[in-house]
Each structure stands twice: as structure tokens, then as C-alpha cells.
Amino acid sequence: MSIDRFILRKLNTCQEENTRDNLVRLFVIRIQKAEMEEEHETAYIVSRLH
């Protein structure tokens, strides 16, 4: 199971507010990291084309 699916599953079942907040923060960090990697990869491909 991927970490993202694990986080989402835990969010669906977690009832402790502090833990839910931390899971949401972790998920947001993972999304931001993926976006940065995607932008970097796109910039690398574009720079190779020129």
C-alpha cells in the first residue's frame, strides 16, 4: 500500500483531532513535494529540448 493511500485510510478512520491534523499536514507536504518534483522534471525536459 502506498503511503498516500495509508494516510487517506487513516484520515477516514481517525477520531483524534490532533492526529488528524498531523495526517493532513503530512499529506499536504507530500502533495507539495510531488508538485515541486513535477515542476523540476518539466523544467529539465524543456531545457533539454532547447
C-alpha atoms as a PDB file:
ATOM      1  CA  MET A   1       0.000   0.000   0.000  1.00  0.00           C
ATOM      2  CA  SER A   2       1.362   3.409  -0.897  1.00  0.00           C
ATOM      3  CA  ILE A   3       1.952   5.938   1.850  1.00  0.00           C
ATOM      4  CA  ASP A   4      -0.671   8.235   0.306  1.00  0.00           C
ATOM      5  CA  ARG A   5      -3.365   5.559   0.464  1.00  0.00           C
ATOM      6  CA  PHE A   6      -2.277   4.757   4.018  1.00  0.00           C
ATOM      7  CA  ILE A   7      -2.652   8.404   5.063  1.00  0.00           C
ATOM      8  CA  LEU A   8      -6.073   8.675   3.415  1.00  0.00           C
ATOM      9  CA  ARG A   9      -7.245   5.468   5.061  1.00  0.00           C
ATOM     10  CA  LYS A  10      -6.088   6.683   8.462  1.00  0.00           C
ATOM     11  CA  LEU A  11      -7.819  10.026   7.905  1.00  0.00           C
ATOM     12  CA  ASN A  12     -11.077   8.204   7.250  1.00  0.00           C
ATOM     13  CA  THR A  13     -10.861   6.223  10.476  1.00  0.00           C
ATOM     14  CA  CYS A  14      -9.003   8.552  12.840  1.00  0.00           C
ATOM     15  CA  GLN A  15     -11.076  10.241  15.516  1.00  0.00           C
ATOM     16  CA  GLU A  16      -8.332  12.023  17.475  1.00  0.00           C
ATOM     17  CA  GLU A  17      -8.245  15.628  16.279  1.00  0.00           C
ATOM     18  CA  ASN A  18      -4.517  16.220  16.795  1.00  0.00           C
ATOM     19  CA  THR A  19      -3.625  13.067  14.880  1.00  0.00           C
ATOM     20  CA  ARG A  20      -5.997  14.054  12.051  1.00  0.00           C
ATOM     21  CA  ASP A  21      -4.363  17.496  11.858  1.00  0.00           C
ATOM     22  CA  ASN A  22      -0.923  15.900  11.628  1.00  0.00           C
ATOM     23  CA  LEU A  23      -2.069  13.484   8.935  1.00  0.00           C
ATOM     24  CA  VAL A  24      -3.492  16.363   6.901  1.00  0.00           C
ATOM     25  CA  ARG A  25      -0.229  18.304   7.280  1.00  0.00           C
ATOM     26  CA  LEU A  26       1.748  15.260   6.183  1.00  0.00           C
ATOM     27  CA  PHE A  27      -0.488  14.766   3.150  1.00  0.00           C
ATOM     28  CA  VAL A  28      -0.137  18.440   2.167  1.00  0.00           C
ATOM     29  CA  ILE A  29       3.660  18.168   2.443  1.00  0.00           C
ATOM     30  CA  ARG A  30       3.602  15.086   0.189  1.00  0.00           C
ATOM     31  CA  ILE A  31       1.460  16.923  -2.379  1.00  0.00           C
ATOM     32  CA  GLN A  32       3.766  19.947  -2.362  1.00  0.00           C
ATOM     33  CA  LYS A  33       6.833  17.726  -2.735  1.00  0.00           C
ATOM     34  CA  ALA A  34       5.247  15.912  -5.678  1.00  0.00           C
ATOM     35  CA  GLU A  35       4.372  19.243  -7.322  1.00  0.00           C
ATOM     36  CA  MET A  36       7.944  20.505  -6.921  1.00  0.00           C
ATOM     37  CA  GLU A  37       9.358  17.291  -8.388  1.00  0.00           C
ATOM     38  CA  GLU A  38       6.942  17.521 -11.304  1.00  0.00           C
ATOM     39  CA  GLU A  39       7.912  21.150 -11.985  1.00  0.00           C
ATOM     40  CA  HIS A  40      11.596  20.236 -11.786  1.00  0.00           C
ATOM     41  CA  GLU A  41      11.107  17.325 -14.167  1.00  0.00           C
ATOM     42  CA  THR A  42       9.172  19.503 -16.626  1.00  0.00           C
ATOM     43  CA  ALA A  43      11.825  22.227 -16.482  1.00  0.00           C
ATOM     44  CA  TYR A  44      14.535  19.617 -17.106  1.00  0.00           C
ATOM     45  CA  ILE A  45      12.716  18.229 -20.148  1.00  0.00           C
ATOM     46  CA  VAL A  46      12.126  21.722 -21.579  1.00  0.00           C
ATOM     47  CA  SER A  47      15.781  22.672 -21.024  1.00  0.00           C
ATOM     48  CA  ARG A  48      16.905  19.532 -22.862  1.00  0.00           C
ATOM     49  CA  LEU A  49      14.706  20.441 -25.833  1.00  0.00           C
ATOM     50  CA  HIS A  50      16.393  23.835 -26.295  1.00  0.00           C
END
